[in-house]
Amino acid sequence: MRSPITTVDIDRCETWTRYRPGLCDSCQANCCTMPLEIRLPDLVRLGLVDAFEAEHEDPARIAKRLQKARLIDRYNTKHGIFTMARRADGDCRFLEPTTRRCTVYEQRPDTCRLHPQKGPRPGYCAFGAKAAPPRPGL
């Protein structure tokens, strides 16, 4: 999936920018268009799975329920990884489309918490600057 920012291709890590603090404040949230792989504790934190269910239910059954509800796309049984379903536009389901900010920031999965320290190119991110708002009179 291509970023709407033409200079950044999320599938080509060599187009990424070295991460530095504050970069997210002016970013278009390109990382939120990448597939989101999470684990069972993340689903509990997000409120999509009950803690009791996570402890007593087979993860494959949980995955089946979440797939039926269209909350996840797939489940990797071998590694215990759930891939979250995305919106039709390719964005993370938790990304607010207008502000491009996370709607579940305090409950966000570990994958998001650890980005970009971990991921396809540690220390780099698919930064794409937000478009400047139009100036009046132009």
Protein backbone atom coordinates (compact mmCIF):
# COMPACT_ATOMS: atom_id res chain seq x y z
CA MET A 1 0.00 0.00 0.00
CA ARG A 2 1.39 3.39 -0.95
CA SER A 3 1.40 6.42 1.26
CA PRO A 4 -0.51 9.47 0.00
CA ILE A 5 2.79 11.32 0.39
CA THR A 6 4.64 10.72 -2.87
CA THR A 7 8.15 10.85 -1.39
CA VAL A 8 7.45 8.04 1.07
CA ASP A 9 6.71 4.46 0.12
CA ILE A 10 5.94 2.49 3.28
CA ASP A 11 6.96 -0.70 1.49
CA ARG A 12 10.44 0.69 0.71
CA CYS A 13 12.24 1.32 4.00
CA GLU A 14 15.01 3.25 2.23
CA THR A 15 12.51 6.11 1.72
CA TRP A 16 11.95 6.37 5.48
CA THR A 17 13.25 9.15 7.74
CA ARG A 18 15.48 8.70 10.79
CA TYR A 19 13.18 9.08 13.78
CA ARG A 20 13.62 11.96 16.19
CA PRO A 21 11.41 13.16 19.07
CA GLY A 22 8.56 15.41 17.98
CA LEU A 23 8.44 14.02 14.44
CA CYS A 24 5.00 12.48 15.03
CA ASP A 25 3.47 15.91 15.74
CA SER A 26 3.76 16.95 12.10
CA CYS A 27 3.35 13.54 10.46
CA GLN A 28 0.54 12.25 8.24
CA ALA A 29 0.55 8.95 10.25
CA ASN A 30 1.88 6.79 7.44
CA CYS A 31 2.81 4.08 9.95
CA CYS A 32 -0.93 3.73 10.62
CA THR A 33 -1.43 2.41 7.08
CA MET A 34 0.89 -0.55 7.66
CA PRO A 35 -0.55 -3.94 8.74
CA LEU A 36 -0.92 -3.99 12.52
CA GLU A 37 0.24 -7.26 14.08
CA ILE A 38 -0.66 -7.64 17.75
CA ARG A 39 -0.93 -10.25 20.47
CA LEU A 40 -3.70 -11.33 22.83
CA PRO A 41 -2.74 -8.92 25.68
CA ASP A 42 -3.10 -6.03 23.20
CA LEU A 43 -6.63 -7.19 22.31
CA VAL A 44 -7.47 -7.22 26.03
CA ARG A 45 -6.03 -3.71 26.50
CA LEU A 46 -8.08 -2.49 23.53
CA GLY A 47 -11.23 -3.97 25.05
CA LEU A 48 -11.83 -6.32 22.11
CA VAL A 49 -11.27 -9.43 24.23
CA ASP A 50 -12.25 -9.92 27.85
CA ALA A 51 -9.42 -10.86 30.24
CA PHE A 52 -11.33 -13.97 31.38
CA GLU A 53 -11.83 -15.03 27.74
CA ALA A 54 -8.13 -14.50 27.01
CA GLU A 55 -7.14 -16.68 29.95
CA HIS A 56 -9.62 -19.53 29.39
CA GLU A 57 -10.42 -19.61 25.68
CA ASP A 58 -8.33 -21.07 22.87
CA PRO A 59 -6.78 -18.15 20.91
CA ALA A 60 -7.85 -19.77 17.63
CA ARG A 61 -11.49 -19.60 18.77
CA ILE A 62 -11.03 -15.99 19.79
CA ALA A 63 -9.54 -15.32 16.36
CA LYS A 64 -12.52 -16.93 14.65
CA ARG A 65 -14.91 -14.69 16.60
CA LEU A 66 -12.87 -11.58 15.82
CA GLN A 67 -12.68 -12.49 12.13
CA LYS A 68 -16.44 -12.95 12.00
CA ALA A 69 -16.83 -9.50 13.59
CA ARG A 70 -14.32 -8.16 11.00
CA LEU A 71 -11.98 -6.92 13.70
CA ILE A 72 -9.02 -8.98 12.51
CA ASP A 73 -7.98 -10.21 9.07
CA ARG A 74 -6.02 -13.27 10.15
CA TYR A 75 -4.41 -15.15 12.99
CA ASN A 76 -0.99 -16.81 12.92
CA THR A 77 -1.40 -19.83 15.18
CA LYS A 78 2.31 -20.67 15.25
CA HIS A 79 3.34 -17.23 16.54
CA GLY A 80 0.14 -16.15 18.31
CA ILE A 81 -0.12 -12.98 16.20
CA PHE A 82 -3.39 -11.37 15.17
CA THR A 83 -3.43 -8.99 12.19
CA MET A 84 -5.97 -6.24 12.72
CA ALA A 85 -8.46 -5.45 9.98
CA ARG A 86 -8.12 -2.02 8.42
CA ARG A 87 -10.65 0.39 7.01
CA ALA A 88 -11.38 0.33 3.29
CA ASP A 89 -8.97 3.24 2.75
CA GLY A 90 -6.13 1.17 4.26
CA ASP A 91 -5.88 3.13 7.50
CA CYS A 92 -5.83 1.55 10.94
CA ARG A 93 -9.34 1.28 12.33
CA PHE A 94 -8.24 3.36 15.33
CA LEU A 95 -6.91 6.30 13.30
CA GLU A 96 -9.17 9.37 13.24
CA PRO A 97 -9.38 10.22 9.51
CA THR A 98 -9.47 14.01 9.80
CA THR A 99 -6.86 14.67 12.49
CA ARG A 100 -4.79 11.55 11.67
CA ARG A 101 -4.42 10.90 15.41
CA CYS A 102 -4.87 7.65 17.31
CA THR A 103 -8.26 7.32 19.00
CA VAL A 104 -6.99 4.66 21.44
CA TYR A 105 -3.61 6.17 22.23
CA GLU A 106 -3.57 5.17 25.93
CA GLN A 107 -4.64 1.60 25.06
CA ARG A 108 -2.60 1.28 21.84
CA PRO A 109 -0.94 -2.07 21.13
CA ASP A 110 2.70 -2.77 21.95
CA THR A 111 3.55 -2.69 18.23
CA CYS A 112 2.53 0.97 18.16
CA ARG A 113 4.14 1.74 21.52
CA LEU A 114 7.48 0.37 20.32
CA HIS A 115 7.44 1.93 16.85
CA PRO A 116 9.91 2.88 15.46
CA GLN A 117 12.38 1.27 17.87
CA LYS A 118 11.19 -2.09 16.54
CA GLY A 119 9.90 -2.84 13.10
CA PRO A 120 11.13 -3.25 9.55
CA ARG A 121 13.83 -0.57 9.93
CA PRO A 122 14.53 0.17 13.61
CA GLY A 123 15.12 3.85 14.31
CA TYR A 124 13.40 4.97 11.10
CA CYS A 125 9.78 5.77 10.29
CA ALA A 126 7.65 6.37 7.21
CA PHE A 127 7.41 10.07 8.00
CA GLY A 128 5.31 12.17 5.67
CA ALA A 129 4.66 15.80 6.54
CA LYS A 130 1.08 16.92 6.95
CA ALA A 131 -0.05 19.22 4.17
CA ALA A 132 0.05 22.87 5.16
CA PRO A 133 -3.42 24.39 5.59
CA PRO A 134 -4.41 26.73 2.74
CA ARG A 135 -3.62 30.38 3.37
CA PRO A 136 -6.52 32.83 3.18
CA GLY A 137 -6.73 34.85 -0.02
CA LEU A 138 -4.80 32.39 -2.17
